[in-house]
N, C-alpha and C. Protein backbone atom coordinates (compact mmCIF):
# COMPACT_ATOMS: atom_id res chain seq x y z
N MET A 1 -12.59 6.48 -19.30
CA MET A 1 -11.38 5.47 -20.28
C MET A 1 -11.90 4.13 -20.07
N SER A 2 -11.60 3.66 -20.93
CA SER A 2 -11.98 2.27 -21.18
C SER A 2 -11.01 1.33 -21.61
N LYS A 3 -10.44 0.49 -20.97
CA LYS A 3 -9.06 0.36 -21.18
C LYS A 3 -9.48 -1.47 -21.21
N SER A 4 -9.08 -2.62 -22.64
CA SER A 4 -9.52 -3.88 -22.13
C SER A 4 -7.98 -4.54 -22.77
N LYS A 5 -7.61 -5.07 -21.83
CA LYS A 5 -6.13 -5.86 -21.72
C LYS A 5 -6.56 -6.92 -20.56
N ARG A 6 -6.01 -8.32 -21.51
CA ARG A 6 -6.01 -9.39 -20.70
C ARG A 6 -4.33 -10.14 -21.20
N ILE A 7 -3.93 -10.65 -19.82
CA ILE A 7 -2.46 -10.37 -20.41
C ILE A 7 -2.49 -12.29 -20.10
N PHE A 8 -1.86 -13.12 -19.82
CA PHE A 8 -1.41 -14.56 -19.96
C PHE A 8 0.04 -14.51 -20.10
N SER A 9 0.86 -15.43 -19.34
CA SER A 9 2.11 -15.38 -19.59
C SER A 9 1.84 -17.07 -18.91
N SER A 10 2.84 -17.64 -19.86
CA SER A 10 3.72 -18.99 -19.38
C SER A 10 5.22 -18.59 -19.52
N ILE A 11 6.10 -19.05 -18.47
CA ILE A 11 7.06 -18.95 -18.51
C ILE A 11 7.59 -20.58 -17.82
N VAL A 12 8.43 -20.71 -18.95
CA VAL A 12 9.25 -21.96 -19.19
C VAL A 12 10.65 -21.52 -18.56
N ILE A 13 10.51 -22.47 -17.51
CA ILE A 13 11.78 -22.72 -16.32
C ILE A 13 13.29 -22.80 -16.88
N THR A 14 13.43 -21.34 -16.92
CA THR A 14 15.23 -21.01 -17.63
C THR A 14 15.92 -22.17 -16.83
N VAL A 15 17.37 -22.42 -17.65
CA VAL A 15 17.97 -23.04 -17.74
C VAL A 15 19.17 -22.42 -17.57
N MET A 16 20.56 -23.30 -16.58
CA MET A 16 21.80 -23.13 -16.70
C MET A 16 22.43 -23.90 -16.58
N THR A 17 23.24 -24.28 -17.80
CA THR A 17 23.94 -25.52 -18.55
C THR A 17 25.41 -24.99 -17.75
N MET A 18 26.74 -25.76 -17.11
CA MET A 18 27.84 -25.36 -16.55
C MET A 18 28.61 -25.87 -17.67
N VAL A 19 29.44 -25.42 -18.08
CA VAL A 19 30.51 -26.14 -19.48
C VAL A 19 31.38 -25.05 -19.51
N MET A 20 32.50 -26.38 -18.62
CA MET A 20 33.87 -25.74 -18.36
C MET A 20 34.59 -25.42 -19.17
N GLY A 21 35.64 -24.21 -18.53
CA GLY A 21 36.23 -23.88 -19.61
C GLY A 21 36.16 -22.67 -21.31
N ILE A 22 34.41 -21.89 -20.38
CA ILE A 22 33.90 -21.17 -21.71
C ILE A 22 34.03 -19.33 -21.00
N SER A 23 34.75 -18.57 -21.64
CA SER A 23 34.84 -17.54 -21.41
C SER A 23 33.72 -16.24 -21.88
N THR A 24 34.04 -15.33 -20.87
CA THR A 24 32.79 -14.19 -20.88
C THR A 24 32.70 -13.76 -22.24
N ASN A 25 31.45 -13.60 -22.74
CA ASN A 25 31.05 -12.59 -24.13
C ASN A 25 31.90 -11.25 -23.56
N ALA A 26 32.49 -11.11 -25.61
CA ALA A 26 33.13 -9.51 -25.08
C ALA A 26 32.67 -8.68 -26.43
N TYR A 27 31.88 -7.65 -25.40
CA TYR A 27 31.41 -6.50 -26.12
C TYR A 27 32.11 -5.45 -25.96
N GLY A 28 31.06 -4.47 -27.03
CA GLY A 28 32.66 -2.68 -27.73
C GLY A 28 32.35 -2.33 -26.33
N LYS A 29 33.04 -1.33 -26.91
CA LYS A 29 33.17 0.03 -25.40
C LYS A 29 31.91 0.72 -25.25
N ASP A 30 32.04 1.39 -24.34
CA ASP A 30 30.68 2.05 -23.65
C ASP A 30 29.82 3.05 -24.44
N ASN A 31 28.38 2.32 -24.09
CA ASN A 31 27.54 2.91 -24.79
C ASN A 31 27.87 3.57 -26.08
N ILE A 32 28.52 2.54 -26.89
CA ILE A 32 28.40 2.23 -28.73
C ILE A 32 27.20 1.03 -28.58
N GLU A 33 26.62 1.54 -30.13
CA GLU A 33 25.32 0.98 -30.03
C GLU A 33 25.26 0.27 -31.33
N GLU A 34 24.88 -1.67 -31.54
CA GLU A 34 25.39 -2.18 -32.30
C GLU A 34 24.57 -2.79 -33.76
N LYS A 35 23.98 -2.48 -34.82
CA LYS A 35 22.67 -3.29 -34.99
C LYS A 35 22.98 -4.27 -35.80
N LYS A 36 22.40 -5.18 -35.64
CA LYS A 36 22.52 -6.51 -36.52
C LYS A 36 21.03 -6.72 -36.94
N ASP A 37 20.56 -6.81 -38.54
CA ASP A 37 19.65 -7.09 -39.58
C ASP A 37 20.30 -8.20 -40.26
N THR A 38 19.26 -9.50 -39.21
CA THR A 38 19.09 -10.94 -39.83
C THR A 38 17.85 -11.06 -40.50
N LYS A 39 17.64 -12.03 -41.32
CA LYS A 39 16.35 -12.59 -41.79
C LYS A 39 15.60 -12.40 -41.59
N ASP A 40 15.06 -12.74 -40.38
CA ASP A 40 13.95 -12.43 -39.54
C ASP A 40 13.74 -11.22 -38.35
N LYS A 41 15.12 -11.18 -38.09
CA LYS A 41 14.87 -10.00 -36.60
C LYS A 41 15.88 -9.32 -36.87
N ILE A 42 15.35 -7.61 -36.30
CA ILE A 42 16.55 -6.60 -36.66
C ILE A 42 16.93 -6.23 -34.60
N VAL A 43 18.19 -6.62 -34.19
CA VAL A 43 18.91 -6.13 -32.58
C VAL A 43 19.52 -5.29 -33.23
N THR A 44 19.48 -4.60 -32.05
CA THR A 44 20.19 -3.32 -31.44
C THR A 44 21.21 -3.51 -29.71
N GLU A 45 22.35 -3.33 -30.32
CA GLU A 45 22.96 -3.81 -28.95
C GLU A 45 23.88 -2.26 -28.07
N TYR A 46 23.75 -2.78 -26.86
CA TYR A 46 24.57 -1.57 -26.23
C TYR A 46 24.87 -1.86 -25.06
N THR A 47 27.17 -1.52 -24.45
CA THR A 47 26.59 -1.78 -23.21
C THR A 47 27.30 -0.25 -22.82
N ILE A 48 26.97 -0.45 -21.59
CA ILE A 48 27.62 0.61 -20.37
C ILE A 48 28.53 0.10 -19.58
N THR A 49 29.60 0.87 -19.06
CA THR A 49 30.83 -0.11 -17.89
C THR A 49 31.06 1.34 -17.20
N ASP A 50 30.93 2.14 -17.42
CA ASP A 50 31.20 3.86 -16.54
C ASP A 50 30.49 3.45 -15.69
N THR A 51 30.56 3.45 -14.15
CA THR A 51 30.16 3.73 -13.14
C THR A 51 28.81 4.64 -12.99
N GLN A 52 28.88 5.95 -13.50
CA GLN A 52 28.76 6.37 -13.06
C GLN A 52 27.02 6.45 -13.58
N GLU A 53 27.67 5.87 -15.04
CA GLU A 53 26.42 5.81 -15.61
C GLU A 53 25.70 4.39 -15.59
N ILE A 54 26.17 3.42 -14.92
CA ILE A 54 25.16 2.40 -14.32
C ILE A 54 24.90 3.15 -13.20
N GLN A 55 25.69 3.40 -12.39
CA GLN A 55 24.27 4.39 -11.55
C GLN A 55 23.74 4.37 -11.72
N LYS A 56 23.15 5.37 -12.36
CA LYS A 56 21.91 6.18 -12.65
C LYS A 56 21.46 4.97 -13.22
N TYR A 57 21.53 4.37 -14.30
CA TYR A 57 20.88 2.91 -14.82
C TYR A 57 19.87 2.23 -14.03
N CYS A 58 20.98 1.69 -13.04
CA CYS A 58 20.47 0.89 -11.55
C CYS A 58 19.50 1.76 -11.19
N GLU A 59 19.39 2.78 -10.78
CA GLU A 59 18.64 3.86 -10.15
C GLU A 59 17.34 3.88 -11.04
N LYS A 60 17.42 4.36 -12.49
CA LYS A 60 16.36 5.02 -13.52
C LYS A 60 15.34 3.05 -13.56
N LYS A 61 15.83 1.98 -13.87
CA LYS A 61 15.33 0.76 -13.97
C LYS A 61 15.41 0.22 -13.17
N GLN A 62 15.63 0.86 -11.16
CA GLN A 62 15.16 0.23 -9.78
C GLN A 62 15.81 -1.08 -9.98
N LEU A 63 16.82 -1.11 -10.14
CA LEU A 63 17.82 -2.45 -10.18
C LEU A 63 19.09 -1.59 -8.97
N PRO A 64 18.94 -3.04 -8.36
CA PRO A 64 20.16 -2.88 -6.94
C PRO A 64 21.39 -2.80 -7.67
N TYR A 65 21.89 -1.84 -6.95
CA TYR A 65 23.80 -1.63 -7.98
C TYR A 65 24.35 -2.59 -6.38
N ILE A 66 24.33 -3.05 -5.69
CA ILE A 66 25.10 -3.83 -5.19
C ILE A 66 23.95 -4.99 -4.20
N GLU A 67 24.46 -6.29 -4.50
CA GLU A 67 23.93 -7.31 -4.75
C GLU A 67 24.58 -8.93 -3.98
N ASN A 68 24.87 -9.09 -2.74
CA ASN A 68 25.45 -10.14 -2.40
C ASN A 68 26.76 -9.51 -2.37
N GLY A 69 26.88 -8.08 -2.12
CA GLY A 69 28.52 -7.77 -1.87
C GLY A 69 29.10 -7.07 -2.87
N LYS A 70 28.20 -7.34 -4.44
CA LYS A 70 28.84 -7.89 -5.63
C LYS A 70 28.17 -6.33 -6.59
N PRO A 71 29.57 -5.25 -7.17
CA PRO A 71 28.33 -4.25 -7.27
C PRO A 71 28.34 -4.20 -8.78
N VAL A 72 27.96 -3.70 -9.28
CA VAL A 72 26.81 -4.07 -11.37
C VAL A 72 28.67 -3.77 -11.60
N SER A 73 29.09 -4.23 -12.69
CA SER A 73 30.86 -3.89 -13.58
C SER A 73 30.65 -3.70 -14.80
N LYS A 74 29.03 -4.08 -15.19
CA LYS A 74 29.01 -4.06 -16.91
C LYS A 74 27.21 -4.41 -17.21
N ILE A 75 26.68 -3.68 -17.68
CA ILE A 75 25.62 -3.58 -18.17
C ILE A 75 25.27 -4.12 -19.96
N SER A 76 24.73 -4.94 -20.21
CA SER A 76 24.75 -4.90 -22.06
C SER A 76 23.01 -4.66 -21.44
N VAL A 77 22.34 -3.88 -22.97
CA VAL A 77 21.49 -3.72 -23.06
C VAL A 77 20.84 -4.12 -25.17
N ILE A 78 19.88 -4.73 -24.84
CA ILE A 78 20.06 -5.63 -26.31
C ILE A 78 18.47 -5.35 -27.04
N LYS A 79 17.87 -5.40 -27.42
CA LYS A 79 17.07 -5.01 -28.53
C LYS A 79 16.59 -5.60 -29.56
N GLU A 80 15.17 -6.84 -29.54
CA GLU A 80 14.94 -7.60 -30.40
C GLU A 80 13.98 -7.40 -31.01
N THR A 81 13.50 -7.52 -32.30
CA THR A 81 12.06 -7.13 -32.40
C THR A 81 12.07 -8.27 -33.61
N GLU A 82 11.08 -8.60 -34.07
CA GLU A 82 10.30 -9.40 -35.18
C GLU A 82 10.88 -8.48 -36.22
N LYS A 83 11.13 -8.86 -37.78
CA LYS A 83 10.82 -7.76 -38.83
C LYS A 83 9.23 -8.27 -39.49
N ASP A 84 8.44 -6.77 -39.71
CA ASP A 84 7.45 -7.13 -39.54
C ASP A 84 6.32 -7.39 -40.85
N THR A 85 6.34 -8.84 -41.33
CA THR A 85 5.96 -9.28 -42.40
C THR A 85 4.50 -9.47 -42.99
N THR A 86 3.69 -8.99 -41.59
CA THR A 86 2.65 -9.85 -41.49
C THR A 86 1.70 -7.97 -43.11
N PRO A 87 0.60 -9.23 -43.83
CA PRO A 87 0.02 -8.17 -44.63
C PRO A 87 -0.72 -7.22 -44.24
N GLU A 88 -0.27 -6.31 -45.24
CA GLU A 88 -1.42 -4.86 -44.29
C GLU A 88 -3.06 -5.48 -43.87
N LEU A 89 -3.93 -5.28 -43.12
CA LEU A 89 -5.36 -5.55 -43.49
C LEU A 89 -5.91 -4.61 -44.53
N GLN A 90 -6.91 -5.28 -45.25
CA GLN A 90 -7.60 -4.57 -46.65
C GLN A 90 -8.30 -3.68 -45.22
N ILE A 91 -8.03 -2.46 -46.21
CA ILE A 91 -8.74 -0.89 -45.65
C ILE A 91 -10.32 -0.99 -45.85
N THR A 92 -11.01 -0.79 -44.42
CA THR A 92 -12.47 -0.43 -44.42
C THR A 92 -12.56 0.70 -44.59
N PRO A 93 -13.84 0.16 -45.99
CA PRO A 93 -13.78 1.49 -46.77
C PRO A 93 -14.82 2.32 -45.47
N ARG A 94 -14.75 3.64 -45.79
CA ARG A 94 -15.44 4.68 -45.34
C ARG A 94 -16.45 4.31 -44.64
N SER A 95 -16.99 5.03 -43.13
CA SER A 95 -18.60 4.95 -42.93
C SER A 95 -18.88 6.22 -43.16
N PHE A 96 -20.00 6.17 -43.56
CA PHE A 96 -20.72 7.76 -44.17
C PHE A 96 -20.36 8.85 -42.14
N THR A 97 -20.12 8.50 -41.26
CA THR A 97 -19.90 9.03 -40.19
C THR A 97 -18.34 9.53 -39.62
N GLU A 98 -18.22 7.96 -40.02
CA GLU A 98 -16.72 8.88 -39.16
C GLU A 98 -15.90 7.97 -40.06
N ILE A 99 -14.48 8.63 -39.61
CA ILE A 99 -13.38 8.19 -40.85
C ILE A 99 -12.13 7.74 -39.47
N TYR A 100 -11.47 7.14 -39.20
CA TYR A 100 -10.09 5.84 -38.29
C TYR A 100 -8.64 6.36 -39.34
N GLU A 101 -8.08 6.66 -39.41
CA GLU A 101 -6.68 7.33 -39.39
C GLU A 101 -5.64 7.15 -38.82
N GLU A 102 -4.88 6.46 -38.07
CA GLU A 102 -3.37 6.69 -38.19
C GLU A 102 -2.90 7.99 -38.02
N GLU A 103 -3.02 8.14 -36.56
CA GLU A 103 -1.98 9.65 -36.83
C GLU A 103 -0.04 9.63 -36.53
N TYR A 104 0.40 8.44 -35.89
CA TYR A 104 1.87 8.64 -36.48
C TYR A 104 2.03 7.61 -35.30
N PRO A 105 2.97 6.14 -35.73
CA PRO A 105 3.15 4.90 -35.14
C PRO A 105 3.91 5.60 -33.47
N ILE A 106 3.62 4.52 -32.84
CA ILE A 106 4.35 4.34 -31.55
C ILE A 106 5.11 3.15 -30.93
N GLN A 107 5.90 3.13 -30.40
CA GLN A 107 7.43 1.94 -29.65
C GLN A 107 7.40 2.97 -28.75
N TRP A 108 7.92 1.87 -27.73
CA TRP A 108 8.42 2.07 -26.67
C TRP A 108 8.63 0.45 -25.49
N THR A 109 9.18 0.30 -24.75
CA THR A 109 9.24 -1.24 -23.93
C THR A 109 8.82 -0.79 -22.31
N GLY A 110 8.28 -2.23 -22.36
CA GLY A 110 7.57 -2.16 -21.32
C GLY A 110 8.22 -1.25 -19.64
N SER A 111 7.76 -1.72 -19.30
CA SER A 111 8.17 -1.78 -17.69
C SER A 111 8.37 -2.60 -16.58
N GLN A 112 7.59 -3.99 -16.92
CA GLN A 112 7.57 -4.71 -16.13
C GLN A 112 8.41 -6.10 -16.94
N SER A 113 9.18 -6.88 -16.26
CA SER A 113 9.83 -7.56 -16.55
C SER A 113 8.88 -8.89 -17.00
N CYS A 114 8.91 -9.71 -18.03
CA CYS A 114 8.29 -11.22 -18.45
C CYS A 114 9.06 -12.07 -18.47
N GLY A 115 10.46 -12.06 -17.70
CA GLY A 115 11.04 -13.29 -17.79
C GLY A 115 12.77 -12.63 -17.13
N MET A 116 13.25 -13.50 -16.02
CA MET A 116 14.16 -13.80 -14.96
C MET A 116 14.73 -14.91 -15.31
N SER A 117 16.58 -14.24 -15.66
CA SER A 117 17.24 -15.40 -15.51
C SER A 117 18.68 -15.48 -14.76
N ARG A 118 19.15 -16.20 -13.94
CA ARG A 118 20.79 -15.74 -12.74
C ARG A 118 21.21 -17.10 -12.35
N GLY A 119 22.59 -16.70 -12.52
CA GLY A 119 23.83 -17.65 -11.85
C GLY A 119 24.92 -17.38 -12.06
N GLN A 120 25.72 -18.02 -11.65
CA GLN A 120 26.85 -17.49 -12.07
C GLN A 120 28.54 -18.73 -12.54
N GLY A 121 29.08 -18.39 -12.78
CA GLY A 121 30.11 -19.18 -13.92
C GLY A 121 30.79 -20.06 -13.39
N PRO A 122 31.18 -20.65 -13.84
CA PRO A 122 31.62 -20.90 -15.78
C PRO A 122 30.45 -21.66 -15.88
N GLY A 123 30.08 -21.38 -17.40
CA GLY A 123 28.98 -22.07 -18.04
C GLY A 123 28.28 -20.95 -18.90
N THR A 124 26.96 -21.19 -19.33
CA THR A 124 26.09 -21.12 -19.81
C THR A 124 25.15 -20.73 -19.13
N LEU A 125 24.49 -19.61 -19.41
CA LEU A 125 22.96 -18.67 -18.75
C LEU A 125 22.08 -18.32 -19.41
N SER A 126 21.31 -19.11 -19.54
CA SER A 126 19.90 -19.20 -20.46
C SER A 126 18.78 -18.57 -20.19
N LEU A 127 18.00 -17.64 -20.79
CA LEU A 127 16.33 -17.29 -20.43
C LEU A 127 15.43 -17.99 -21.20
N SER A 128 14.47 -18.19 -20.95
CA SER A 128 13.64 -18.91 -22.79
C SER A 128 12.19 -18.59 -21.86
N THR A 129 11.37 -18.04 -22.40
CA THR A 129 10.42 -17.75 -22.13
C THR A 129 9.32 -16.85 -23.38
N SER A 130 7.76 -17.75 -22.62
CA SER A 130 6.88 -17.40 -23.55
C SER A 130 5.81 -16.36 -22.92
N TYR A 131 5.44 -15.32 -23.76
CA TYR A 131 4.75 -14.56 -23.25
C TYR A 131 3.32 -13.95 -23.94
N THR A 132 2.50 -13.66 -23.49
CA THR A 132 1.15 -13.66 -24.68
C THR A 132 0.78 -12.30 -24.18
N GLU A 133 -0.44 -11.55 -24.95
CA GLU A 133 -0.79 -9.95 -24.39
C GLU A 133 -2.15 -9.68 -25.33
N THR A 134 -2.79 -9.93 -25.42
CA THR A 134 -3.74 -9.38 -25.88
C THR A 134 -3.53 -8.08 -26.19
N ALA A 135 -3.70 -7.17 -27.84
CA ALA A 135 -3.68 -6.22 -28.11
C ALA A 135 -4.26 -5.18 -26.78
N THR A 136 -4.20 -3.61 -26.75
CA THR A 136 -4.67 -2.96 -25.68
C THR A 136 -5.01 -1.65 -26.43
N VAL A 137 -6.28 -1.28 -26.65
CA VAL A 137 -6.88 -0.26 -26.95
C VAL A 137 -7.55 0.25 -26.02
N THR A 138 -6.92 1.54 -26.12
CA THR A 138 -6.59 3.09 -24.81
C THR A 138 -7.81 4.24 -25.88
N THR A 139 -9.10 4.43 -25.19
CA THR A 139 -9.54 5.37 -25.78
C THR A 139 -11.46 5.80 -24.25
N ASN A 140 -11.94 7.13 -24.59
CA ASN A 140 -12.80 7.03 -23.66
C ASN A 140 -13.51 7.59 -24.93
N PHE A 141 -13.97 6.87 -25.62
CA PHE A 141 -15.20 6.52 -26.95
C PHE A 141 -15.04 5.19 -26.81
N GLY A 142 -16.39 4.88 -27.89
CA GLY A 142 -16.28 3.17 -28.13
C GLY A 142 -16.22 3.65 -29.70
N TYR A 143 -16.09 2.64 -30.02
CA TYR A 143 -14.59 2.49 -31.52
C TYR A 143 -15.44 0.86 -32.21
N ASN A 144 -14.94 0.96 -33.36
CA ASN A 144 -15.26 -0.08 -34.28
C ASN A 144 -14.13 -0.79 -34.66
N THR A 145 -14.70 -2.10 -33.84
CA THR A 145 -13.32 -3.01 -34.33
C THR A 145 -12.52 -2.60 -35.57
N GLY A 146 -13.64 -3.62 -36.34
CA GLY A 146 -12.75 -3.31 -37.90
C GLY A 146 -12.40 -2.42 -38.12
N LYS A 147 -12.37 -0.89 -38.25
CA LYS A 147 -12.04 0.06 -38.80
C LYS A 147 -10.79 0.75 -37.72
N LEU A 148 -11.12 0.56 -37.10
CA LEU A 148 -9.85 0.66 -36.60
C LEU A 148 -8.36 -0.37 -36.43
N SER A 149 -8.88 -1.61 -36.92
CA SER A 149 -7.79 -2.79 -37.16
C SER A 149 -7.68 -2.10 -38.59
N ALA A 150 -8.23 -1.47 -38.87
CA ALA A 150 -7.86 -1.46 -40.21
C ALA A 150 -7.37 0.01 -41.07
N ALA A 151 -7.02 0.52 -39.56
CA ALA A 151 -6.44 2.14 -39.70
C ALA A 151 -5.02 1.78 -39.75
N VAL A 152 -5.13 0.36 -37.88
CA VAL A 152 -3.87 1.05 -37.71
C VAL A 152 -2.93 -0.44 -38.06
N GLY A 153 -3.17 -1.08 -38.49
CA GLY A 153 -2.58 -2.52 -39.85
C GLY A 153 -2.73 -3.67 -39.10
N PHE A 154 -3.00 -3.54 -37.79
CA PHE A 154 -3.40 -4.85 -36.92
C PHE A 154 -4.39 -5.17 -36.17
N ASN A 155 -5.17 -6.64 -35.98
CA ASN A 155 -6.38 -6.89 -34.60
C ASN A 155 -6.77 -6.52 -33.86
N VAL A 156 -6.71 -5.56 -33.60
CA VAL A 156 -6.71 -5.31 -32.26
C VAL A 156 -7.99 -5.35 -31.22
N SER A 157 -8.23 -6.86 -31.71
CA SER A 157 -9.05 -7.53 -30.82
C SER A 157 -7.71 -8.93 -30.54
N ALA A 158 -6.53 -9.62 -31.01
CA ALA A 158 -6.27 -10.55 -31.61
C ALA A 158 -5.06 -10.47 -30.45
N SER A 159 -4.68 -11.45 -29.53
CA SER A 159 -3.79 -11.82 -28.35
C SER A 159 -2.10 -12.21 -29.77
N TYR A 160 -0.85 -11.62 -29.16
CA TYR A 160 0.02 -11.88 -29.61
C TYR A 160 0.89 -12.45 -28.35
N THR A 161 2.07 -13.01 -29.21
CA THR A 161 3.02 -13.50 -28.43
C THR A 161 3.93 -13.75 -28.30
N ILE A 162 4.84 -12.88 -27.46
CA ILE A 162 6.53 -13.25 -28.15
C ILE A 162 7.33 -14.40 -27.24
N THR A 163 8.38 -14.97 -27.92
CA THR A 163 9.12 -15.73 -27.38
C THR A 163 10.53 -15.75 -27.02
N PRO A 164 11.39 -14.39 -25.85
CA PRO A 164 12.41 -14.50 -25.31
C PRO A 164 13.22 -15.62 -25.37
N ASN A 165 14.23 -15.68 -25.81
CA ASN A 165 15.51 -16.67 -25.81
C ASN A 165 17.25 -15.90 -25.77
N TYR A 166 17.40 -16.42 -24.38
CA TYR A 166 19.14 -14.94 -24.94
C TYR A 166 20.03 -16.17 -23.67
N ASN A 167 21.07 -16.55 -24.18
CA ASN A 167 22.49 -16.89 -24.00
C ASN A 167 23.00 -16.05 -23.66
N ILE A 168 24.47 -15.83 -22.64
CA ILE A 168 25.74 -15.45 -22.39
C ILE A 168 26.26 -16.45 -21.68
N SER A 169 27.35 -16.84 -21.90
CA SER A 169 28.84 -17.11 -21.35
C SER A 169 29.51 -16.31 -20.55
N LEU A 170 29.47 -17.34 -19.32
CA LEU A 170 30.20 -16.14 -18.40
C LEU A 170 31.56 -17.39 -17.83
N SER A 171 32.61 -16.26 -17.62
CA SER A 171 33.70 -17.19 -16.47
C SER A 171 33.50 -17.67 -15.54
N ALA A 172 35.16 -18.29 -15.06
CA ALA A 172 34.54 -18.69 -13.37
C ALA A 172 34.33 -17.83 -12.54
N GLY A 173 33.43 -18.02 -11.78
CA GLY A 173 33.05 -16.91 -10.70
C GLY A 173 32.52 -15.56 -10.86
N GLN A 174 32.20 -15.57 -12.20
CA GLN A 174 31.24 -14.54 -12.81
C GLN A 174 30.02 -14.29 -12.69
N TYR A 175 29.55 -13.47 -12.38
CA TYR A 175 27.75 -13.21 -11.80
C TYR A 175 26.84 -12.99 -12.38
N ALA A 176 25.85 -13.06 -13.12
CA ALA A 176 24.34 -12.48 -14.31
C ALA A 176 23.89 -12.44 -13.92
N THR A 177 22.30 -11.78 -14.16
CA THR A 177 21.31 -11.66 -14.44
C THR A 177 20.60 -11.02 -15.71
N ILE A 178 19.78 -11.88 -16.29
CA ILE A 178 19.14 -11.45 -17.33
C ILE A 178 17.87 -11.05 -17.13
N TYR A 179 17.37 -10.12 -17.23
CA TYR A 179 15.76 -9.26 -17.54
C TYR A 179 15.38 -9.75 -19.06
N ALA A 180 13.84 -10.04 -18.86
CA ALA A 180 13.44 -9.69 -20.23
C ALA A 180 12.26 -8.59 -20.37
N TYR A 181 11.33 -7.58 -21.38
CA TYR A 181 11.14 -6.57 -21.00
C TYR A 181 10.48 -7.15 -22.31
N PRO A 182 8.71 -6.91 -22.94
CA PRO A 182 7.93 -6.69 -23.90
C PRO A 182 8.13 -5.24 -24.69
N ILE A 183 8.92 -5.40 -25.91
CA ILE A 183 8.34 -4.14 -26.48
C ILE A 183 7.52 -4.19 -26.83
N TYR A 184 6.58 -2.83 -27.23
CA TYR A 184 5.43 -3.04 -27.51
C TYR A 184 5.54 -1.65 -28.70
N LYS A 185 4.56 -2.03 -30.35
CA LYS A 185 4.47 -1.42 -30.97
C LYS A 185 2.94 -1.39 -31.50
N GLY A 186 2.73 0.33 -32.04
CA GLY A 186 1.00 0.12 -32.17
C GLY A 186 1.01 1.63 -33.00
N SER A 187 -0.18 2.56 -32.37
CA SER A 187 -0.80 3.80 -33.42
C SER A 187 -0.99 4.26 -32.12
N TYR A 188 -1.29 5.37 -32.46
CA TYR A 188 -1.93 6.69 -31.61
C TYR A 188 -2.76 7.15 -33.13
N PHE A 189 -3.95 7.31 -32.77
CA PHE A 189 -4.94 7.12 -34.17
C PHE A 189 -6.06 8.31 -33.54
N LYS A 190 -7.04 8.66 -34.70
CA LYS A 190 -7.75 9.57 -34.60
C LYS A 190 -9.89 8.91 -34.86
N VAL A 191 -9.93 9.94 -34.63
CA VAL A 191 -11.26 8.99 -35.46
C VAL A 191 -12.20 10.33 -35.53
N THR A 192 -12.58 10.75 -36.68
CA THR A 192 -13.60 12.11 -37.15
C THR A 192 -14.29 12.04 -37.85
N ASN A 193 -15.57 12.61 -37.14
CA ASN A 193 -16.85 12.60 -37.15
C ASN A 193 -17.15 13.41 -38.32
N VAL A 194 -17.94 12.98 -39.64
CA VAL A 194 -17.32 14.14 -40.98
C VAL A 194 -19.03 14.55 -40.63
N LEU A 195 -19.89 14.53 -39.80
CA LEU A 195 -21.27 15.31 -39.29
C LEU A 195 -20.58 16.51 -38.95
N ASN A 196 -20.63 16.92 -37.65
CA ASN A 196 -20.05 17.80 -37.01
C ASN A 196 -18.13 17.63 -36.72
N GLY A 197 -17.86 17.29 -37.56
CA GLY A 197 -16.38 17.42 -37.53
C GLY A 197 -15.20 17.47 -36.24
N SER A 198 -16.18 16.77 -35.19
CA SER A 198 -15.21 16.83 -33.80
C SER A 198 -13.97 15.60 -34.05
N VAL A 199 -13.41 15.88 -33.30
CA VAL A 199 -11.63 14.60 -33.25
C VAL A 199 -11.47 14.21 -32.25
N LYS A 200 -12.12 12.46 -31.92
CA LYS A 200 -11.53 11.83 -30.80
C LYS A 200 -10.07 10.90 -31.37
N TYR A 201 -8.92 11.29 -30.10
CA TYR A 201 -7.91 10.20 -30.28
C TYR A 201 -7.42 8.74 -29.32
N GLY A 202 -6.62 8.37 -29.31
CA GLY A 202 -6.81 6.64 -28.73
C GLY A 202 -5.33 6.59 -29.15
N THR A 203 -5.05 5.48 -28.61
CA THR A 203 -3.33 3.90 -28.63
C THR A 203 -4.55 2.97 -28.83
N ALA A 204 -3.34 2.60 -29.98
CA ALA A 204 -3.52 1.06 -29.27
C ALA A 204 -2.12 0.23 -30.21
N TYR A 205 -1.87 -0.54 -28.84
CA TYR A 205 -1.03 -1.28 -29.41
C TYR A 205 -0.81 -2.70 -28.97
N ARG A 206 0.03 -3.62 -29.53
CA ARG A 206 0.41 -5.14 -29.34
C ARG A 206 2.04 -5.43 -29.25
N PRO A 207 2.52 -6.22 -28.26
CA PRO A 207 3.68 -6.96 -28.04
C PRO A 207 4.68 -6.91 -29.68
N PHE A 208 5.59 -6.53 -29.47
CA PHE A 208 6.26 -6.89 -31.08
C PHE A 208 7.84 -7.45 -31.15
N GLY A 209 8.54 -7.51 -29.75
CA GLY A 209 9.72 -7.84 -29.59
C GLY A 209 10.17 -7.79 -27.90
N THR A 210 11.29 -7.89 -27.80
CA THR A 210 12.04 -8.50 -26.11
C THR A 210 13.24 -7.55 -26.40
N GLU A 211 13.38 -6.63 -25.31
CA GLU A 211 14.35 -6.29 -24.72
C GLU A 211 15.21 -7.02 -23.65
N TYR A 212 16.83 -7.22 -24.10
CA TYR A 212 17.14 -8.20 -22.79
C TYR A 212 18.00 -7.05 -22.16
N GLU A 213 18.40 -7.16 -21.06
CA GLU A 213 19.02 -5.98 -19.43
C GLU A 213 20.43 -7.37 -18.95
N VAL A 214 21.30 -7.39 -19.20
CA VAL A 214 22.08 -8.14 -18.71
C VAL A 214 23.18 -7.52 -17.84
N VAL A 215 23.52 -7.42 -16.37
CA VAL A 215 23.59 -7.05 -16.14
C VAL A 215 24.67 -8.45 -15.27
N TYR A 216 26.11 -7.88 -15.35
CA TYR A 216 27.34 -8.19 -14.96
C TYR A 216 28.02 -7.86 -13.04
N ARG A 217 27.88 -8.98 -12.59
CA ARG A 217 28.69 -8.62 -11.00
C ARG A 217 29.80 -9.23 -10.80
């Protein structure tokens, strides 16, 4: 299996600006999902406050439940993706021997953080990061870059940048950590050999958005 992937990450120093008298952001009930559709972005948010659910979430994400003697009191998860306004690539004519096709789209959140900021109130905790990664293609066969790009709808040899930027307000004595994770979007595709009918499969994806996890203590 061959896998081409280069990662370049430039992290802008996170900033915490102390502002007296700012209260904590108010979130909705446990696990209530809220969607916000703006001009350029789609934002989905939900909050966990149940102790058992928090412990399960921390265990799953390998986050410390107790830190500096303080247990996690609330976790907010915010998924922010850019609207896909990129025009579709011109479909490359089928060759005499192979047909490239998307089987179905894929999307998920990466497990490796691309940015983190922590601090204590009163004040505003900010995270600002730039993260660049080339598109990834995972196959066990050779492929035509142009034909594959046309099939999945994006350039599989290009680099893509996301710019996570998130702020929260903290009350006096409140402690929080903001984590940023890349959201990936792409395709599970197939290549059919028209001469012998054989079919080969692979995946192609690139960074498309950011998931923020805000852990309050």
